[in-house]
Amino acid sequence: MSEKDFNEIFSNRLRFYLSKNNMTQLELAKKLQVGTTSVYNWCNGIKTPRMDKVDAMCNLFGIMRRDLMEENNSQGVKINVLGRVAAGIPIEAVEDIIDTEEIPEALARTGDFFALQIHGDSMEPRMYEGDVVIVRKQNDAESGDIVIAMINGDDATCKRLVKYASGISLISLNSKYSPMMFSNEEIINKPVRILGKVIELRGKF
């Protein structure tokens, strides 16, 4: 097996266990006390970690080395990558399908999923134009989650959700954009709808 093939297997398995444990790349970097660039490289098949870091990940996830280092032959599930989601059209009926992505079968059993291509720079430096996010369909999420939301019938947008007693904010990661704040009344009347929670980012080059 070539180094490239091994790196790809490791990256696929690592992304699977991050999703399964609802852990972000940033959280993994903090737990392992490594730089975010290192985790990014592991998740994108650019490099693989030293064995002490592999063992640390195994302890975190409660798995064996082989779970990260050997190919899992179970069948993946393909989901559509949507270029945009417009108001009034159910996710299943959107025709702007630009690609497909594969998610692990175990993950697919936990809900209904779609993928969405990121447009614009409002989520930089974490998400860039053309990146793809894997989204679990749900109409609510926890404060702090990254969500896909639809506001006043416009195209769906990717933002961080923050909840308050009086309403919510949808916050861009790019500091040049101001938070969008909505009262509980505005959430109903505009309306503001949560379409799903982002569970994985797949960067594109």
N, C-alpha and C. Protein backbone atom coordinates (compact mmCIF):
# COMPACT_ATOMS: atom_id res chain seq x y z
N MET A 1 0.85 -1.19 0.00
CA MET A 1 0.00 0.00 0.00
C MET A 1 0.89 1.25 0.00
N SER A 2 0.56 2.19 -0.86
CA SER A 2 1.35 3.41 -0.93
C SER A 2 1.04 4.33 0.24
N GLU A 3 1.95 5.28 0.49
CA GLU A 3 1.73 6.23 1.58
C GLU A 3 0.46 7.05 1.33
N LYS A 4 0.23 7.40 0.07
CA LYS A 4 -0.97 8.17 -0.27
C LYS A 4 -2.23 7.39 0.06
N ASP A 5 -2.24 6.09 -0.30
CA ASP A 5 -3.42 5.26 -0.01
C ASP A 5 -3.63 5.14 1.50
N PHE A 6 -2.55 4.93 2.25
CA PHE A 6 -2.67 4.82 3.70
C PHE A 6 -3.20 6.11 4.31
N ASN A 7 -2.67 7.25 3.85
CA ASN A 7 -3.13 8.54 4.36
C ASN A 7 -4.62 8.73 4.11
N GLU A 8 -5.09 8.28 2.95
CA GLU A 8 -6.50 8.44 2.61
C GLU A 8 -7.37 7.57 3.51
N ILE A 9 -6.93 6.33 3.75
CA ILE A 9 -7.69 5.45 4.65
C ILE A 9 -7.75 6.07 6.05
N PHE A 10 -6.60 6.54 6.53
CA PHE A 10 -6.57 7.12 7.88
C PHE A 10 -7.49 8.34 7.96
N SER A 11 -7.45 9.19 6.95
CA SER A 11 -8.27 10.40 6.98
C SER A 11 -9.75 10.05 6.99
N ASN A 12 -10.14 9.05 6.19
CA ASN A 12 -11.55 8.64 6.16
C ASN A 12 -12.00 8.09 7.50
N ARG A 13 -11.16 7.27 8.13
CA ARG A 13 -11.52 6.68 9.41
C ARG A 13 -11.56 7.75 10.51
N LEU A 14 -10.61 8.69 10.47
CA LEU A 14 -10.59 9.74 11.48
C LEU A 14 -11.83 10.62 11.37
N ARG A 15 -12.21 11.00 10.15
CA ARG A 15 -13.41 11.83 9.97
C ARG A 15 -14.64 11.09 10.46
N PHE A 16 -14.68 9.77 10.24
CA PHE A 16 -15.82 8.98 10.70
C PHE A 16 -15.94 9.04 12.22
N TYR A 17 -14.81 8.86 12.93
CA TYR A 17 -14.88 8.84 14.39
C TYR A 17 -15.08 10.23 14.98
N LEU A 18 -14.63 11.27 14.29
CA LEU A 18 -14.95 12.63 14.72
C LEU A 18 -16.46 12.85 14.64
N SER A 19 -17.07 12.45 13.52
CA SER A 19 -18.52 12.60 13.36
C SER A 19 -19.28 11.77 14.39
N LYS A 20 -18.83 10.54 14.57
CA LYS A 20 -19.50 9.63 15.51
C LYS A 20 -19.48 10.18 16.93
N ASN A 21 -18.39 10.86 17.28
CA ASN A 21 -18.25 11.41 18.63
C ASN A 21 -18.64 12.88 18.71
N ASN A 22 -19.20 13.40 17.61
CA ASN A 22 -19.65 14.80 17.57
C ASN A 22 -18.53 15.75 18.03
N MET A 23 -17.33 15.49 17.52
CA MET A 23 -16.15 16.26 17.90
C MET A 23 -15.60 17.02 16.68
N THR A 24 -15.26 18.27 16.86
CA THR A 24 -14.70 19.06 15.78
C THR A 24 -13.19 18.84 15.69
N GLN A 25 -12.62 19.24 14.58
CA GLN A 25 -11.16 19.16 14.43
C GLN A 25 -10.46 20.03 15.47
N LEU A 26 -11.05 21.19 15.76
CA LEU A 26 -10.45 22.08 16.76
C LEU A 26 -10.46 21.43 18.14
N GLU A 27 -11.55 20.78 18.48
CA GLU A 27 -11.64 20.10 19.79
C GLU A 27 -10.62 18.98 19.89
N LEU A 28 -10.45 18.24 18.79
CA LEU A 28 -9.45 17.16 18.79
C LEU A 28 -8.05 17.73 18.98
N ALA A 29 -7.75 18.82 18.28
CA ALA A 29 -6.44 19.45 18.41
C ALA A 29 -6.16 19.85 19.86
N LYS A 30 -7.16 20.41 20.53
CA LYS A 30 -6.99 20.83 21.92
C LYS A 30 -6.77 19.63 22.84
N LYS A 31 -7.55 18.56 22.61
CA LYS A 31 -7.43 17.37 23.46
C LYS A 31 -6.06 16.69 23.28
N LEU A 32 -5.52 16.74 22.06
CA LEU A 32 -4.23 16.11 21.79
C LEU A 32 -3.06 17.06 22.01
N GLN A 33 -3.39 18.34 22.25
CA GLN A 33 -2.37 19.38 22.44
C GLN A 33 -1.46 19.47 21.21
N VAL A 34 -2.10 19.53 20.03
CA VAL A 34 -1.38 19.72 18.78
C VAL A 34 -2.00 20.90 18.05
N GLY A 35 -1.32 21.37 17.00
CA GLY A 35 -1.83 22.48 16.22
C GLY A 35 -3.01 22.06 15.34
N THR A 36 -3.86 23.02 15.04
CA THR A 36 -5.02 22.73 14.18
C THR A 36 -4.58 22.32 12.77
N THR A 37 -3.43 22.83 12.34
CA THR A 37 -2.93 22.45 11.01
C THR A 37 -2.62 20.96 10.95
N SER A 38 -2.09 20.41 12.02
CA SER A 38 -1.80 18.97 12.06
C SER A 38 -3.07 18.16 11.89
N VAL A 39 -4.12 18.51 12.63
CA VAL A 39 -5.38 17.77 12.54
C VAL A 39 -5.99 17.94 11.15
N TYR A 40 -5.91 19.15 10.61
CA TYR A 40 -6.40 19.38 9.25
C TYR A 40 -5.69 18.46 8.25
N ASN A 41 -4.37 18.36 8.38
CA ASN A 41 -3.59 17.50 7.47
C ASN A 41 -3.99 16.03 7.62
N TRP A 42 -4.24 15.58 8.85
CA TRP A 42 -4.66 14.20 9.07
C TRP A 42 -6.02 13.95 8.44
N CYS A 43 -6.94 14.89 8.62
CA CYS A 43 -8.32 14.72 8.14
C CYS A 43 -8.43 14.83 6.62
N ASN A 44 -7.42 15.39 5.98
CA ASN A 44 -7.47 15.58 4.54
C ASN A 44 -6.45 14.72 3.80
N GLY A 45 -5.88 13.73 4.50
CA GLY A 45 -5.01 12.77 3.85
C GLY A 45 -3.66 13.31 3.42
N ILE A 46 -3.25 14.44 4.01
CA ILE A 46 -1.97 15.05 3.64
C ILE A 46 -0.83 14.39 4.43
N LYS A 47 -1.08 14.12 5.69
CA LYS A 47 -0.09 13.47 6.55
C LYS A 47 -0.83 12.54 7.52
N THR A 48 -0.07 11.67 8.19
CA THR A 48 -0.62 10.88 9.28
C THR A 48 0.19 11.16 10.54
N PRO A 49 -0.44 10.98 11.71
CA PRO A 49 0.24 11.34 12.96
C PRO A 49 1.23 10.28 13.42
N ARG A 50 2.06 10.66 14.39
CA ARG A 50 2.94 9.70 15.06
C ARG A 50 2.08 8.70 15.84
N MET A 51 2.66 7.54 16.15
CA MET A 51 1.88 6.49 16.80
C MET A 51 1.40 6.91 18.19
N ASP A 52 2.14 7.76 18.88
CA ASP A 52 1.67 8.18 20.20
C ASP A 52 0.38 8.99 20.08
N LYS A 53 0.25 9.75 18.99
CA LYS A 53 -0.99 10.51 18.77
C LYS A 53 -2.12 9.58 18.31
N VAL A 54 -1.77 8.56 17.53
CA VAL A 54 -2.77 7.56 17.14
C VAL A 54 -3.32 6.88 18.39
N ASP A 55 -2.44 6.50 19.29
CA ASP A 55 -2.87 5.85 20.53
C ASP A 55 -3.72 6.78 21.38
N ALA A 56 -3.37 8.06 21.39
CA ALA A 56 -4.15 9.03 22.16
C ALA A 56 -5.56 9.16 21.58
N MET A 57 -5.66 9.16 20.24
CA MET A 57 -6.97 9.21 19.60
C MET A 57 -7.78 7.95 19.91
N CYS A 58 -7.11 6.80 19.90
CA CYS A 58 -7.80 5.55 20.22
C CYS A 58 -8.38 5.61 21.63
N ASN A 59 -7.63 6.17 22.57
CA ASN A 59 -8.13 6.32 23.94
C ASN A 59 -9.32 7.26 24.01
N LEU A 60 -9.25 8.34 23.24
CA LEU A 60 -10.36 9.30 23.21
C LEU A 60 -11.63 8.67 22.66
N PHE A 61 -11.49 7.91 21.56
CA PHE A 61 -12.65 7.36 20.88
C PHE A 61 -13.06 5.98 21.40
N GLY A 62 -12.21 5.36 22.25
CA GLY A 62 -12.51 4.03 22.75
C GLY A 62 -12.42 2.96 21.67
N ILE A 63 -11.39 3.05 20.83
CA ILE A 63 -11.24 2.14 19.70
C ILE A 63 -9.83 1.55 19.68
N MET A 64 -9.58 0.66 18.72
CA MET A 64 -8.27 0.06 18.54
C MET A 64 -7.52 0.76 17.41
N ARG A 65 -6.19 0.55 17.36
CA ARG A 65 -5.40 1.13 16.27
C ARG A 65 -5.96 0.77 14.90
N ARG A 66 -6.33 -0.50 14.74
CA ARG A 66 -6.80 -0.96 13.43
C ARG A 66 -8.04 -0.22 12.96
N ASP A 67 -8.83 0.30 13.93
CA ASP A 67 -10.04 1.03 13.55
C ASP A 67 -9.70 2.33 12.82
N LEU A 68 -8.54 2.89 13.11
CA LEU A 68 -8.09 4.10 12.43
C LEU A 68 -7.19 3.83 11.24
N MET A 69 -6.53 2.67 11.25
CA MET A 69 -5.46 2.43 10.28
C MET A 69 -5.78 1.41 9.20
N GLU A 70 -6.94 0.75 9.33
CA GLU A 70 -7.32 -0.25 8.33
C GLU A 70 -8.63 0.15 7.68
N GLU A 71 -8.73 -0.15 6.41
CA GLU A 71 -9.92 0.21 5.65
C GLU A 71 -11.13 -0.55 6.15
N ASN A 72 -12.22 0.17 6.31
CA ASN A 72 -13.48 -0.46 6.70
C ASN A 72 -14.25 -0.76 5.42
N ASN A 73 -14.56 -2.03 5.24
CA ASN A 73 -15.20 -2.44 3.99
C ASN A 73 -16.71 -2.30 3.99
N SER A 74 -17.26 -1.78 5.09
CA SER A 74 -18.72 -1.60 5.10
C SER A 74 -19.10 -0.53 4.08
N GLN A 75 -20.26 -0.70 3.52
CA GLN A 75 -20.69 0.16 2.42
C GLN A 75 -21.03 1.56 2.92
N GLY A 76 -20.53 2.57 2.25
CA GLY A 76 -20.91 3.93 2.56
C GLY A 76 -22.23 4.30 1.90
N VAL A 77 -22.79 5.41 2.31
CA VAL A 77 -24.07 5.88 1.78
C VAL A 77 -23.84 7.21 1.07
N LYS A 78 -24.26 7.29 -0.16
CA LYS A 78 -24.08 8.52 -0.93
C LYS A 78 -25.22 9.49 -0.65
N ILE A 79 -24.87 10.77 -0.48
CA ILE A 79 -25.86 11.82 -0.31
C ILE A 79 -25.58 12.91 -1.34
N ASN A 80 -26.61 13.65 -1.70
CA ASN A 80 -26.46 14.69 -2.71
C ASN A 80 -25.84 15.95 -2.11
N VAL A 81 -24.96 16.58 -2.91
CA VAL A 81 -24.43 17.90 -2.57
C VAL A 81 -25.26 18.93 -3.32
N LEU A 82 -25.90 19.81 -2.57
CA LEU A 82 -26.77 20.83 -3.17
C LEU A 82 -26.00 22.13 -3.33
N GLY A 83 -26.21 22.79 -4.45
CA GLY A 83 -25.58 24.07 -4.68
C GLY A 83 -26.25 25.19 -3.91
N ARG A 84 -27.55 25.04 -3.70
CA ARG A 84 -28.32 26.02 -2.93
C ARG A 84 -29.62 25.37 -2.50
N VAL A 85 -30.21 25.93 -1.44
CA VAL A 85 -31.52 25.50 -0.97
C VAL A 85 -32.40 26.74 -0.92
N ALA A 86 -33.47 26.74 -1.68
CA ALA A 86 -34.34 27.90 -1.76
C ALA A 86 -35.62 27.66 -0.96
N ALA A 87 -36.31 28.75 -0.66
CA ALA A 87 -37.53 28.68 0.15
C ALA A 87 -38.63 27.91 -0.57
N GLY A 88 -39.43 27.21 0.21
CA GLY A 88 -40.61 26.55 -0.32
C GLY A 88 -40.35 25.25 -1.03
N ILE A 89 -39.10 24.80 -1.09
CA ILE A 89 -38.78 23.55 -1.78
C ILE A 89 -38.22 22.57 -0.77
N PRO A 90 -38.88 21.43 -0.55
CA PRO A 90 -38.33 20.43 0.37
C PRO A 90 -36.94 20.00 -0.08
N ILE A 91 -36.08 19.67 0.87
CA ILE A 91 -34.71 19.25 0.55
C ILE A 91 -34.72 18.15 -0.50
N GLU A 92 -35.65 17.20 -0.35
CA GLU A 92 -35.69 16.05 -1.26
C GLU A 92 -36.03 16.45 -2.70
N ALA A 93 -36.62 17.64 -2.87
CA ALA A 93 -37.07 18.06 -4.20
C ALA A 93 -36.13 19.06 -4.86
N VAL A 94 -35.07 19.46 -4.16
CA VAL A 94 -34.12 20.42 -4.73
C VAL A 94 -33.42 19.79 -5.93
N GLU A 95 -33.40 20.52 -7.04
CA GLU A 95 -32.81 19.98 -8.27
C GLU A 95 -31.39 20.49 -8.53
N ASP A 96 -30.93 21.42 -7.71
CA ASP A 96 -29.60 21.99 -7.89
C ASP A 96 -28.55 21.07 -7.25
N ILE A 97 -28.45 19.85 -7.80
CA ILE A 97 -27.51 18.85 -7.28
C ILE A 97 -26.22 18.96 -8.07
N ILE A 98 -25.11 19.24 -7.38
CA ILE A 98 -23.85 19.49 -8.09
C ILE A 98 -22.83 18.37 -7.91
N ASP A 99 -23.10 17.47 -6.96
CA ASP A 99 -22.12 16.40 -6.70
C ASP A 99 -22.74 15.44 -5.70
N THR A 100 -21.98 14.42 -5.32
CA THR A 100 -22.37 13.55 -4.22
C THR A 100 -21.20 13.40 -3.26
N GLU A 101 -21.50 13.10 -2.02
CA GLU A 101 -20.51 12.77 -1.01
C GLU A 101 -20.94 11.46 -0.36
N GLU A 102 -19.97 10.76 0.22
CA GLU A 102 -20.27 9.49 0.88
C GLU A 102 -20.08 9.65 2.38
N ILE A 103 -21.07 9.14 3.13
CA ILE A 103 -20.95 9.14 4.59
C ILE A 103 -21.02 7.69 5.06
N PRO A 104 -20.42 7.39 6.22
CA PRO A 104 -20.44 6.01 6.72
C PRO A 104 -21.87 5.53 6.97
N GLU A 105 -22.09 4.26 6.75
CA GLU A 105 -23.42 3.68 6.94
C GLU A 105 -23.89 3.88 8.37
N ALA A 106 -22.98 3.73 9.34
CA ALA A 106 -23.35 3.90 10.74
C ALA A 106 -23.87 5.30 11.01
N LEU A 107 -23.24 6.30 10.38
CA LEU A 107 -23.70 7.68 10.54
C LEU A 107 -25.04 7.88 9.87
N ALA A 108 -25.21 7.31 8.68
CA ALA A 108 -26.46 7.48 7.93
C ALA A 108 -27.67 6.95 8.70
N ARG A 109 -27.43 5.95 9.57
CA ARG A 109 -28.53 5.38 10.34
C ARG A 109 -29.01 6.31 11.46
N THR A 110 -28.26 7.37 11.73
CA THR A 110 -28.61 8.25 12.84
C THR A 110 -29.56 9.38 12.44
N GLY A 111 -29.93 9.46 11.16
CA GLY A 111 -30.84 10.52 10.73
C GLY A 111 -30.85 10.67 9.22
N ASP A 112 -31.48 11.76 8.75
CA ASP A 112 -31.50 12.08 7.33
C ASP A 112 -30.45 13.17 7.08
N PHE A 113 -29.71 13.02 5.98
CA PHE A 113 -28.59 13.91 5.72
C PHE A 113 -28.64 14.50 4.31
N PHE A 114 -28.08 15.68 4.17
CA PHE A 114 -27.78 16.25 2.86
C PHE A 114 -26.47 17.01 2.98
N ALA A 115 -25.90 17.37 1.86
CA ALA A 115 -24.67 18.16 1.85
C ALA A 115 -24.94 19.47 1.11
N LEU A 116 -24.25 20.52 1.52
CA LEU A 116 -24.47 21.84 0.92
C LEU A 116 -23.14 22.50 0.65
N GLN A 117 -23.01 23.08 -0.54
CA GLN A 117 -21.79 23.80 -0.89
C GLN A 117 -21.83 25.20 -0.29
N ILE A 118 -20.69 25.59 0.30
CA ILE A 118 -20.58 26.91 0.92
C ILE A 118 -20.35 27.98 -0.15
N HIS A 119 -21.07 29.08 -0.02
CA HIS A 119 -20.88 30.23 -0.92
C HIS A 119 -20.53 31.46 -0.08
N GLY A 120 -19.65 32.28 -0.60
CA GLY A 120 -19.26 33.50 0.08
C GLY A 120 -18.19 33.27 1.13
N ASP A 121 -17.88 34.35 1.88
CA ASP A 121 -16.77 34.30 2.83
C ASP A 121 -17.21 34.52 4.27
N SER A 122 -18.51 34.40 4.55
CA SER A 122 -19.00 34.74 5.89
C SER A 122 -18.55 33.75 6.96
N MET A 123 -18.12 32.53 6.55
CA MET A 123 -17.70 31.53 7.54
C MET A 123 -16.19 31.31 7.52
N GLU A 124 -15.45 32.18 6.82
CA GLU A 124 -13.99 32.12 6.89
C GLU A 124 -13.55 32.59 8.28
N PRO A 125 -12.45 32.05 8.84
CA PRO A 125 -11.44 31.24 8.15
C PRO A 125 -11.66 29.73 8.26
N ARG A 126 -12.80 29.31 8.79
CA ARG A 126 -13.01 27.86 8.95
C ARG A 126 -13.58 27.22 7.69
N MET A 127 -14.49 27.92 7.02
CA MET A 127 -15.12 27.39 5.81
C MET A 127 -14.92 28.38 4.67
N TYR A 128 -14.57 27.85 3.51
CA TYR A 128 -14.27 28.70 2.37
C TYR A 128 -15.22 28.42 1.21
N GLU A 129 -15.30 29.37 0.31
CA GLU A 129 -16.08 29.22 -0.92
C GLU A 129 -15.78 27.88 -1.57
N GLY A 130 -16.83 27.11 -1.85
CA GLY A 130 -16.67 25.83 -2.52
C GLY A 130 -16.55 24.64 -1.59
N ASP A 131 -16.27 24.88 -0.28
CA ASP A 131 -16.25 23.77 0.68
C ASP A 131 -17.64 23.15 0.78
N VAL A 132 -17.69 21.94 1.27
CA VAL A 132 -18.96 21.22 1.41
C VAL A 132 -19.17 20.85 2.87
N VAL A 133 -20.38 21.07 3.36
CA VAL A 133 -20.72 20.67 4.73
C VAL A 133 -21.74 19.53 4.67
N ILE A 134 -21.56 18.57 5.59
CA ILE A 134 -22.49 17.47 5.75
C ILE A 134 -23.48 17.88 6.83
N VAL A 135 -24.78 17.78 6.52
CA VAL A 135 -25.82 18.35 7.39
C VAL A 135 -26.83 17.27 7.78
N ARG A 136 -27.09 17.16 9.08
CA ARG A 136 -28.18 16.31 9.55
C ARG A 136 -29.45 17.15 9.60
N LYS A 137 -30.49 16.69 8.92
CA LYS A 137 -31.74 17.45 8.90
C LYS A 137 -32.39 17.45 10.28
N GLN A 138 -32.66 18.64 10.79
CA GLN A 138 -33.38 18.81 12.06
C GLN A 138 -33.86 20.25 12.14
N ASN A 139 -34.96 20.46 12.86
CA ASN A 139 -35.56 21.80 12.88
C ASN A 139 -35.17 22.60 14.11
N ASP A 140 -34.22 22.08 14.89
CA ASP A 140 -33.71 22.82 16.04
C ASP A 140 -32.28 22.36 16.30
N ALA A 141 -31.56 23.10 17.11
CA ALA A 141 -30.17 22.76 17.43
C ALA A 141 -29.81 23.42 18.75
N GLU A 142 -28.66 23.03 19.30
CA GLU A 142 -28.20 23.60 20.56
C GLU A 142 -27.46 24.92 20.29
N SER A 143 -27.48 25.77 21.28
CA SER A 143 -26.72 27.02 21.20
C SER A 143 -25.24 26.70 21.01
N GLY A 144 -24.63 27.34 20.02
CA GLY A 144 -23.22 27.08 19.70
C GLY A 144 -23.03 26.19 18.50
N ASP A 145 -24.08 25.48 18.07
CA ASP A 145 -23.98 24.61 16.90
C ASP A 145 -23.87 25.44 15.62
N ILE A 146 -23.21 24.88 14.62
CA ILE A 146 -23.23 25.45 13.27
C ILE A 146 -24.46 24.86 12.57
N VAL A 147 -25.29 25.72 12.01
CA VAL A 147 -26.55 25.28 11.43
C VAL A 147 -26.72 25.82 10.01
N ILE A 148 -27.63 25.19 9.29
CA ILE A 148 -28.13 25.75 8.04
C ILE A 148 -29.50 26.34 8.33
N ALA A 149 -29.65 27.63 8.08
CA ALA A 149 -30.88 28.32 8.41
C ALA A 149 -31.43 29.05 7.19
N MET A 150 -32.74 29.23 7.20
CA MET A 150 -33.39 29.99 6.14
C MET A 150 -34.10 31.18 6.77
N ILE A 151 -33.84 32.37 6.23
CA ILE A 151 -34.36 33.60 6.81
C ILE A 151 -35.25 34.31 5.79
N ASN A 152 -36.48 34.52 6.16
CA ASN A 152 -37.39 35.33 5.35
C ASN A 152 -37.49 34.83 3.91
N GLY A 153 -37.40 33.51 3.73
CA GLY A 153 -37.60 32.95 2.40
C GLY A 153 -36.41 33.06 1.47
N ASP A 154 -35.25 33.57 1.98
CA ASP A 154 -34.06 33.63 1.14
C ASP A 154 -33.39 32.27 1.07
N ASP A 155 -32.33 32.19 0.25
CA ASP A 155 -31.57 30.95 0.19
C ASP A 155 -31.03 30.60 1.57
N ALA A 156 -30.83 29.31 1.80
CA ALA A 156 -30.31 28.84 3.08
C ALA A 156 -28.90 29.37 3.29
N THR A 157 -28.56 29.62 4.55
CA THR A 157 -27.26 30.16 4.90
C THR A 157 -26.66 29.35 6.04
N CYS A 158 -25.34 29.33 6.12
CA CYS A 158 -24.62 28.59 7.16
C CYS A 158 -24.14 29.58 8.21
N LYS A 159 -24.52 29.36 9.47
CA LYS A 159 -24.16 30.28 10.55
C LYS A 159 -24.06 29.53 11.88
N ARG A 160 -23.41 30.16 12.86
CA ARG A 160 -23.40 29.62 14.22
C ARG A 160 -24.65 30.12 14.95
N LEU A 161 -25.36 29.21 15.58
CA LEU A 161 -26.58 29.54 16.31
C LEU A 161 -26.26 29.84 17.76
N VAL A 162 -26.76 30.96 18.25
CA VAL A 162 -26.68 31.28 19.68
C VAL A 162 -28.09 31.61 20.15
N LYS A 163 -28.50 30.95 21.23
CA LYS A 163 -29.86 31.12 21.73
C LYS A 163 -29.88 32.01 22.97
N TYR A 164 -30.95 32.82 23.09
CA TYR A 164 -31.20 33.65 24.26
C TYR A 164 -32.65 33.43 24.68
N ALA A 165 -33.00 33.87 25.86
CA ALA A 165 -34.40 33.76 26.30
C ALA A 165 -35.32 34.56 25.38
N SER A 166 -34.79 35.67 24.84
CA SER A 166 -35.62 36.57 24.04
C SER A 166 -35.56 36.29 22.54
N GLY A 167 -34.68 35.35 22.13
CA GLY A 167 -34.57 35.09 20.68
C GLY A 167 -33.27 34.36 20.36
N ILE A 168 -32.76 34.59 19.16
CA ILE A 168 -31.53 33.93 18.72
C ILE A 168 -30.65 34.91 17.94
N SER A 169 -29.38 34.54 17.82
CA SER A 169 -28.47 35.20 16.89
C SER A 169 -27.93 34.16 15.92
N LEU A 170 -27.73 34.55 14.68
CA LEU A 170 -27.04 33.75 13.69
C LEU A 170 -25.75 34.48 13.37
N ILE A 171 -24.63 33.85 13.71
CA ILE A 171 -23.35 34.54 13.73
C ILE A 171 -22.39 34.00 12.67
N SER A 172 -21.83 34.88 11.89
CA SER A 172 -20.79 34.52 10.93
C SER A 172 -19.47 34.34 11.67
N LEU A 173 -18.62 33.43 11.18
CA LEU A 173 -17.30 33.28 11.77
C LEU A 173 -16.36 34.40 11.32
N ASN A 174 -16.67 35.01 10.19
CA ASN A 174 -15.89 36.13 9.68
C ASN A 174 -16.32 37.40 10.41
N SER A 175 -15.39 38.01 11.13
CA SER A 175 -15.72 39.13 12.01
C SER A 175 -16.18 40.38 11.27
N LYS A 176 -16.01 40.41 9.96
CA LYS A 176 -16.46 41.62 9.24
C LYS A 176 -17.97 41.64 9.06
N TYR A 177 -18.63 40.52 9.37
CA TYR A 177 -20.09 40.47 9.28
C TYR A 177 -20.70 40.55 10.67
N SER A 178 -21.69 41.42 10.82
CA SER A 178 -22.35 41.58 12.12
C SER A 178 -23.32 40.41 12.36
N PRO A 179 -23.51 40.04 13.62
CA PRO A 179 -24.50 38.99 13.93
C PRO A 179 -25.89 39.41 13.48
N MET A 180 -26.68 38.44 13.07
CA MET A 180 -28.09 38.67 12.73
C MET A 180 -28.91 38.24 13.94
N MET A 181 -29.63 39.18 14.53
CA MET A 181 -30.37 38.92 15.75
C MET A 181 -31.87 38.93 15.47
N PHE A 182 -32.57 37.98 16.06
CA PHE A 182 -34.00 37.85 15.84
C PHE A 182 -34.71 37.60 17.16
N SER A 183 -35.76 38.36 17.40
CA SER A 183 -36.57 38.13 18.59
C SER A 183 -37.43 36.88 18.38
N ASN A 184 -38.01 36.38 19.45
CA ASN A 184 -38.89 35.21 19.32
C ASN A 184 -40.05 35.50 18.38
N GLU A 185 -40.53 36.73 18.39
CA GLU A 185 -41.63 37.12 17.49
C GLU A 185 -41.15 37.11 16.03
N GLU A 186 -39.95 37.63 15.79
CA GLU A 186 -39.42 37.66 14.43
C GLU A 186 -39.16 36.25 13.90
N ILE A 187 -38.73 35.34 14.78
CA ILE A 187 -38.49 33.96 14.35
C ILE A 187 -39.76 33.38 13.74
N ILE A 188 -40.90 33.71 14.33
CA ILE A 188 -42.18 33.19 13.84
C ILE A 188 -42.65 33.94 12.61
N ASN A 189 -42.53 35.26 12.63
CA ASN A 189 -43.14 36.09 11.59
C ASN A 189 -42.31 36.22 10.31
N LYS A 190 -40.99 36.16 10.39
CA LYS A 190 -40.19 36.36 9.18
C LYS A 190 -40.43 35.25 8.15
N PRO A 191 -40.33 33.99 8.36
CA PRO A 191 -39.87 33.32 9.58
C PRO A 191 -38.36 33.01 9.48
N VAL A 192 -37.80 32.55 10.61
CA VAL A 192 -36.44 32.03 10.64
C VAL A 192 -36.54 30.53 10.93
N ARG A 193 -36.02 29.70 10.04
CA ARG A 193 -36.16 28.25 10.17
C ARG A 193 -34.79 27.58 10.19
N ILE A 194 -34.59 26.66 11.11
CA ILE A 194 -33.41 25.81 11.12
C ILE A 194 -33.69 24.60 10.24
N LEU A 195 -32.83 24.37 9.25
CA LEU A 195 -33.00 23.23 8.35
C LEU A 195 -32.16 22.03 8.79
N GLY A 196 -31.05 22.28 9.48
CA GLY A 196 -30.21 21.17 9.89
C GLY A 196 -28.98 21.64 10.63
N LYS A 197 -28.29 20.66 11.23
CA LYS A 197 -27.06 20.93 11.96
C LYS A 197 -25.88 20.41 11.14
N VAL A 198 -24.85 21.25 11.00
CA VAL A 198 -23.63 20.85 10.30
C VAL A 198 -22.84 19.92 11.21
N ILE A 199 -22.50 18.72 10.71
CA ILE A 199 -21.76 17.78 11.52
C ILE A 199 -20.35 17.52 10.98
N GLU A 200 -20.11 17.95 9.74
CA GLU A 200 -18.78 17.70 9.18
C GLU A 200 -18.50 18.71 8.09
N LEU A 201 -17.25 19.12 7.98
CA LEU A 201 -16.78 20.01 6.91
C LEU A 201 -15.83 19.23 6.02
N ARG A 202 -16.06 19.29 4.73
CA ARG A 202 -15.15 18.67 3.79
C ARG A 202 -14.56 19.76 2.89
N GLY A 203 -13.34 20.12 3.20
CA GLY A 203 -12.68 21.18 2.45
C GLY A 203 -12.33 20.75 1.06
N LYS A 204 -12.43 21.70 0.12
CA LYS A 204 -12.10 21.44 -1.28
C LYS A 204 -10.91 22.28 -1.69
N PHE A 205 -10.09 21.71 -2.57
CA PHE A 205 -8.91 22.42 -3.04
C PHE A 205 -9.12 22.91 -4.47
